[in-house]
Amino acid sequence: MITEAYVSGVSQRKMGNVTEALLGDRVSRSTVSRVAKRLDGAVDELRRAPIEGAHPYLYLDATYLDARWARKVENVSALIAYAVGPDGHRRVLGITLGAEESEASWSELLQQLIDRGLSGVELVIADEHAGLAAAVRKLLPEVPRQRCTVHLQRNVLTKVPRRLRVRVAREVAAIFKAPSLAAAKERFAQTTGRWEKELPEAMEVLCAGFPAATQFYAFPQPHWKRLRTTNGLERLHGEIKRRTRAAGAFPDRASALRLVTAVALKVTEVWGARRYVDLSLLTKEVKRAA
C-alpha cells in the first residue's frame, strides 16, 4: 500500500497520515524511504531488459527535476526513450538521469539501448537539442531525425510579438498539416514570404527548422500525426512533474530515478492495450520504394 501510494503522489511526509487513517499506526519517513527502495527492481528490470525485434520509430525527450547531488540540490534532467516495437505498440525503453541534457548524457542512454539490442530504427523523433542531435549522429548515423513540429512552432513564436502570435501560430501549424511535402513547401514559401520583412528572426528559425521538421513525409501517411511531434510523451511528463512536485527535492539521484521510472511504467501501462501504428503500412511503403 505504501509503495502504491508513494508512486501515485503521496509524499513521504504525508504518508504517516495515510497509514494512520487506514491501519491505526503512523509510519516514519525513513520507513517510507526503505519501502520505496523495493522499486529498485523496476529500475533494474527496465535497464537490463533485452530489446527484441525492429523498433522503427524512436522517441527521445527530457524533463527536469530537483535532486541532491554532491551535497547540493541541483536541477537534473530525466532522459526518456520510448519506441514503437514490431507489434506497432509503444513501450518505454530506457530512462536515465544526467546533470544536463548533454551529448554525453544522451549518448549514454542510446548506447545502453543499442547494447540491449535496439535495432531497425528508421526515424528518431525529438526536439532540436544540440546534445541530443550530436548523440544521434554519433550512435545512429544513418537514421534521419524528425524535429518535433510543436517545439519548432514554440521556438518561432518566441520571436513574434504577442499581438501576432495567434495568426503566425496558425500559419506555421498549417505548414506541417499539409497533405504532401510539395504542399508543405508551398505553404512554407507563402508564410516566409509574407513575414520575412516584418518578422525576420522568426522566419529565420522557421527556415532553419523546416527540413528536419518535414522528415515524416517520407513515411506512410497514416503515421504522420504520430511522427511529427513528441506529444505522446506529454501526459507522461505531466505525471512526472505532478509527482516530483509532491516529492520536492529528492535526497539523491537514485531516489529520483526510482520514482520517475515507477511513474513512467505506471502511466504507460495503458500503451499495451492499443496499437499505436500499423507497421504493415511501413513494410508496404518500403516495397513500393524498392
Protein backbone atom coordinates (compact mmCIF):
# COMPACT_ATOMS: atom_id res chain seq x y z
CA MET A 1 0.00 0.00 0.00
CA ILE A 2 2.84 2.38 0.86
CA THR A 3 4.56 1.72 -2.45
CA GLU A 4 1.40 2.28 -4.48
CA ALA A 5 0.53 5.46 -2.57
CA TYR A 6 4.09 6.76 -2.98
CA VAL A 7 4.07 6.25 -6.75
CA SER A 8 0.57 7.76 -7.03
CA GLY A 9 1.54 11.01 -5.36
CA VAL A 10 1.60 10.81 -1.58
CA SER A 11 4.76 12.41 -0.24
CA GLN A 12 6.92 10.72 2.38
CA ARG A 13 5.97 13.44 4.85
CA LYS A 14 2.23 12.81 4.47
CA MET A 15 2.40 9.01 4.31
CA GLY A 16 2.05 8.79 8.10
CA ASN A 17 -1.40 10.39 7.85
CA VAL A 18 -2.47 7.77 5.30
CA THR A 19 -1.23 4.76 7.25
CA GLU A 20 -2.72 6.09 10.49
CA ALA A 21 -6.13 6.51 8.86
CA LEU A 22 -6.04 3.05 7.28
CA LEU A 23 -4.07 1.00 9.80
CA GLY A 24 -4.14 2.97 13.02
CA ASP A 25 -0.38 3.36 13.03
CA ARG A 26 1.90 6.09 11.66
CA VAL A 27 5.00 5.23 9.68
CA SER A 28 8.12 7.37 9.64
CA ARG A 29 9.70 8.96 6.58
CA SER A 30 12.64 6.59 6.94
CA THR A 31 10.26 3.62 6.76
CA VAL A 32 8.65 5.03 3.61
CA SER A 33 12.09 5.52 2.09
CA ARG A 34 13.07 1.94 2.95
CA VAL A 35 9.85 0.52 1.50
CA ALA A 36 10.19 2.65 -1.65
CA LYS A 37 13.54 1.01 -2.35
CA ARG A 38 11.57 -2.03 -3.45
CA LEU A 39 11.04 -0.06 -6.64
CA ASP A 40 14.72 -0.56 -7.46
CA GLY A 41 13.71 -3.85 -9.04
CA ALA A 42 11.66 -1.98 -11.65
CA VAL A 43 14.62 0.30 -12.41
CA ASP A 44 16.99 -2.65 -12.85
CA GLU A 45 14.48 -4.60 -14.93
CA LEU A 46 13.98 -1.70 -17.34
CA ARG A 47 17.72 -1.10 -17.58
CA ARG A 48 18.52 -4.76 -18.32
CA ALA A 49 15.53 -5.96 -20.36
CA PRO A 50 16.55 -7.10 -23.85
CA ILE A 51 15.09 -5.14 -26.76
CA GLU A 52 13.92 -7.66 -29.32
CA GLY A 53 12.82 -7.04 -32.89
CA ALA A 54 12.92 -3.89 -35.01
CA HIS A 55 11.80 -0.63 -33.43
CA PRO A 56 11.39 1.72 -36.41
CA TYR A 57 10.21 4.82 -34.54
CA LEU A 58 12.32 6.02 -31.59
CA TYR A 59 11.15 8.98 -29.49
CA LEU A 60 13.53 10.90 -27.24
CA ASP A 61 12.65 13.67 -24.80
CA ALA A 62 13.66 15.04 -21.40
CA THR A 63 12.08 16.57 -18.33
CA TYR A 64 13.67 18.21 -15.30
CA LEU A 65 13.53 17.78 -11.53
CA ASP A 66 15.48 18.73 -8.41
CA ALA A 67 17.74 16.21 -6.69
CA ARG A 68 20.60 16.43 -4.22
CA TRP A 69 23.96 15.82 -5.86
CA ALA A 70 27.30 16.16 -4.05
CA ARG A 71 25.51 17.66 -1.03
CA LYS A 72 23.80 20.36 -3.12
CA VAL A 73 20.34 20.41 -4.71
CA GLU A 74 20.68 20.60 -8.50
CA ASN A 75 18.20 20.72 -11.37
CA VAL A 76 18.88 17.45 -13.23
CA SER A 77 17.46 16.04 -16.44
CA ALA A 78 15.47 12.83 -16.75
CA LEU A 79 16.12 11.47 -20.25
CA ILE A 80 13.37 9.22 -21.57
CA ALA A 81 13.33 6.95 -24.62
CA TYR A 82 10.34 5.06 -25.95
CA ALA A 83 9.73 3.38 -29.27
CA VAL A 84 7.19 1.66 -31.46
CA GLY A 85 8.03 -2.03 -31.50
CA PRO A 86 7.46 -4.81 -34.04
CA ASP A 87 3.81 -5.18 -32.98
CA GLY A 88 3.02 -1.50 -33.52
CA HIS A 89 2.71 -0.82 -29.78
CA ARG A 90 4.70 1.74 -27.83
CA ARG A 91 6.91 0.84 -24.91
CA VAL A 92 9.34 2.68 -22.64
CA LEU A 93 12.87 1.52 -23.44
CA GLY A 94 15.03 3.46 -21.03
CA ILE A 95 15.30 6.28 -18.52
CA THR A 96 18.47 7.87 -17.17
CA LEU A 97 19.34 10.93 -15.11
CA GLY A 98 22.01 13.36 -16.19
CA ALA A 99 23.50 16.58 -14.88
CA GLU A 100 22.17 18.22 -18.03
CA GLU A 101 20.66 17.37 -21.39
CA SER A 102 24.11 16.98 -22.97
CA GLU A 103 25.61 14.89 -25.74
CA ALA A 104 27.31 12.72 -23.13
CA SER A 105 24.03 12.07 -21.27
CA TRP A 106 22.09 11.21 -24.42
CA SER A 107 24.96 9.10 -25.74
CA GLU A 108 24.95 7.10 -22.51
CA LEU A 109 21.23 6.35 -22.86
CA LEU A 110 21.44 5.49 -26.56
CA GLN A 111 24.43 3.23 -26.01
CA GLN A 112 22.51 1.38 -23.30
CA LEU A 113 19.65 0.81 -25.73
CA ILE A 114 21.97 -0.39 -28.51
CA ASP A 115 23.77 -2.74 -26.13
CA ARG A 116 20.42 -4.24 -25.15
CA GLY A 117 19.54 -4.93 -28.78
CA LEU A 118 17.91 -1.80 -30.21
CA SER A 119 17.77 -2.21 -33.98
CA GLY A 120 15.74 -1.34 -37.05
CA VAL A 121 15.37 2.35 -36.17
CA GLU A 122 14.17 4.28 -39.22
CA LEU A 123 13.28 7.62 -37.65
CA VAL A 124 14.18 9.43 -34.43
CA ILE A 125 11.55 11.91 -33.22
CA ALA A 126 12.90 14.55 -30.85
CA ASP A 127 13.35 18.23 -30.12
CA GLU A 128 16.16 20.24 -31.68
CA HIS A 129 18.61 19.98 -28.80
CA ALA A 130 22.27 20.21 -29.76
CA GLY A 131 23.43 17.48 -27.37
CA LEU A 132 20.67 15.10 -28.41
CA ALA A 133 21.29 15.74 -32.12
CA ALA A 134 25.01 15.10 -31.71
CA ALA A 135 24.40 11.84 -29.83
CA VAL A 136 22.01 10.60 -32.53
CA ARG A 137 24.50 11.47 -35.28
CA LYS A 138 27.23 9.56 -33.44
CA LEU A 139 25.32 6.42 -32.47
CA LEU A 140 22.60 6.24 -35.13
CA PRO A 141 24.37 7.98 -38.03
CA GLU A 142 22.17 6.58 -40.80
CA VAL A 143 18.85 7.42 -39.14
CA PRO A 144 17.02 10.65 -40.10
CA ARG A 145 15.80 12.83 -37.26
CA GLN A 146 12.33 14.32 -37.19
CA ARG A 147 12.19 17.61 -35.32
CA CYS A 148 9.06 17.96 -33.19
CA THR A 149 6.87 20.45 -35.05
CA VAL A 150 5.23 21.67 -31.84
CA HIS A 151 8.60 22.59 -30.34
CA LEU A 152 9.60 24.29 -33.59
CA GLN A 153 6.40 26.33 -33.56
CA ARG A 154 7.11 27.41 -29.98
CA ASN A 155 10.65 28.40 -30.96
CA VAL A 156 9.28 30.51 -33.83
CA LEU A 157 6.72 32.24 -31.60
CA THR A 158 9.40 33.38 -29.14
CA LYS A 159 10.50 35.73 -31.95
CA VAL A 160 6.96 37.03 -32.62
CA PRO A 161 5.22 39.93 -30.79
CA ARG A 162 2.19 38.91 -28.75
CA ARG A 163 -0.31 40.68 -31.00
CA LEU A 164 0.71 38.49 -33.96
CA ARG A 165 1.28 35.16 -32.25
CA VAL A 166 -2.14 33.62 -32.83
CA ARG A 167 -2.01 34.39 -36.54
CA VAL A 168 1.57 33.23 -37.05
CA ALA A 169 0.99 30.10 -34.96
CA ARG A 170 -1.98 29.17 -37.14
CA GLU A 171 0.04 29.61 -40.34
CA VAL A 172 3.06 27.66 -39.08
CA ALA A 173 0.88 24.80 -37.82
CA ALA A 174 -0.84 24.63 -41.22
CA ILE A 175 2.50 24.05 -42.94
CA PHE A 176 3.02 20.71 -41.20
CA LYS A 177 -0.57 19.61 -41.72
CA ALA A 178 -0.27 19.90 -45.49
CA PRO A 179 -1.36 16.79 -47.44
CA SER A 180 2.07 16.34 -49.05
CA LEU A 181 5.65 17.55 -48.86
CA ALA A 182 5.13 19.62 -52.00
CA ALA A 183 2.12 21.32 -50.43
CA ALA A 184 4.07 21.90 -47.23
CA LYS A 185 6.85 23.58 -49.20
CA GLU A 186 4.29 25.78 -50.91
CA ARG A 187 2.74 26.85 -47.60
CA PHE A 188 6.21 27.37 -46.16
CA ALA A 189 7.13 29.68 -49.04
CA GLN A 190 3.90 31.65 -48.63
CA THR A 191 4.41 32.08 -44.89
CA THR A 192 8.06 33.10 -45.07
CA GLY A 193 7.34 35.41 -47.99
CA ARG A 194 4.54 37.10 -46.05
CA TRP A 195 6.53 37.63 -42.86
CA GLU A 196 10.23 37.77 -43.79
CA LYS A 197 10.42 41.59 -43.69
CA GLU A 198 8.25 42.11 -40.61
CA LEU A 199 9.47 39.09 -38.60
CA PRO A 200 12.94 38.22 -39.95
CA GLU A 201 14.16 36.49 -36.76
CA ALA A 202 11.07 34.27 -36.55
CA MET A 203 11.30 33.31 -40.21
CA GLU A 204 14.99 32.53 -39.80
CA VAL A 205 14.08 30.00 -37.08
CA LEU A 206 11.36 28.51 -39.30
CA CYS A 207 13.69 28.25 -42.31
CA ALA A 208 16.39 26.55 -40.25
CA GLY A 209 13.94 24.04 -38.81
CA PHE A 210 11.80 23.24 -41.84
CA PRO A 211 13.95 20.42 -43.37
CA ALA A 212 14.17 18.45 -40.09
CA ALA A 213 10.51 19.09 -39.27
CA THR A 214 9.29 17.52 -42.54
CA GLN A 215 11.06 14.16 -42.40
CA PHE A 216 7.76 12.45 -41.52
CA TYR A 217 6.50 12.91 -45.09
CA ALA A 218 8.81 10.07 -46.19
CA PHE A 219 6.74 7.60 -44.15
CA PRO A 220 3.19 6.23 -44.55
CA GLN A 221 0.53 8.95 -44.42
CA PRO A 222 -1.50 7.29 -41.61
CA HIS A 223 1.62 7.55 -39.42
CA TRP A 224 2.21 11.28 -39.95
CA LYS A 225 0.21 12.53 -36.99
CA ARG A 226 2.15 10.20 -34.70
CA LEU A 227 5.55 11.07 -36.14
CA ARG A 228 5.61 14.83 -36.41
CA THR A 229 5.62 15.55 -32.64
CA THR A 230 6.71 14.12 -29.32
CA ASN A 231 3.23 14.77 -27.90
CA GLY A 232 2.94 11.11 -26.94
CA LEU A 233 5.21 11.93 -24.01
CA GLU A 234 3.27 14.97 -22.82
CA ARG A 235 0.98 13.08 -20.43
CA LEU A 236 3.93 11.13 -19.09
CA HIS A 237 5.88 14.33 -18.46
CA GLY A 238 2.82 15.86 -16.80
CA GLU A 239 2.51 12.95 -14.39
CA ILE A 240 6.22 13.01 -13.62
CA LYS A 241 6.04 16.76 -12.91
CA ARG A 242 2.98 16.33 -10.71
CA ARG A 243 4.62 13.56 -8.71
CA THR A 244 8.04 15.20 -8.39
CA ARG A 245 6.44 18.44 -7.18
CA ALA A 246 4.87 16.47 -4.34
CA ALA A 247 8.23 14.93 -3.51
CA GLY A 248 10.11 18.23 -3.60
CA ALA A 249 13.88 17.91 -3.89
CA PHE A 250 15.00 14.28 -3.89
CA PRO A 251 17.66 13.30 -1.34
CA ASP A 252 19.76 11.75 -4.11
CA ARG A 253 19.67 10.81 -7.79
CA ALA A 254 18.93 7.16 -7.07
CA SER A 255 15.65 8.01 -5.36
CA ALA A 256 14.75 10.38 -8.20
CA LEU A 257 15.40 7.73 -10.85
CA ARG A 258 13.47 5.19 -8.79
CA LEU A 259 10.33 7.32 -8.65
CA VAL A 260 10.50 8.63 -12.24
CA THR A 261 10.85 5.08 -13.55
CA ALA A 262 7.97 3.80 -11.42
CA VAL A 263 5.71 6.66 -12.53
CA ALA A 264 6.65 6.15 -16.18
CA LEU A 265 5.89 2.43 -16.07
CA LYS A 266 2.59 3.04 -14.29
CA VAL A 267 1.42 5.76 -16.71
CA THR A 268 2.39 3.74 -19.78
CA GLU A 269 0.62 0.54 -18.71
CA VAL A 270 -2.25 1.59 -20.98
CA TRP A 271 0.03 1.57 -24.02
CA GLY A 272 -0.24 -2.18 -24.26
CA ALA A 273 -4.00 -2.03 -24.81
CA ARG A 274 -3.96 -0.29 -28.18
CA ARG A 275 -1.75 -0.45 -31.25
CA TYR A 276 -0.11 2.91 -31.91
CA VAL A 277 0.56 2.45 -35.63
CA ASP A 278 0.06 -0.24 -38.23
CA LEU A 279 3.63 -1.18 -39.17
CA SER A 280 2.48 -3.28 -42.11
CA LEU A 281 2.00 0.07 -43.87
CA LEU A 282 5.68 0.82 -43.39
CA THR A 283 6.63 -2.51 -44.95
CA LYS A 284 4.41 -1.79 -47.95
CA GLU A 285 5.91 1.67 -48.31
CA VAL A 286 9.42 0.19 -48.41
CA LYS A 287 8.37 -2.35 -51.04
CA ARG A 288 6.86 0.35 -53.25
CA ALA A 289 10.03 2.43 -52.94
CA ALA A 290 12.11 -0.59 -53.95
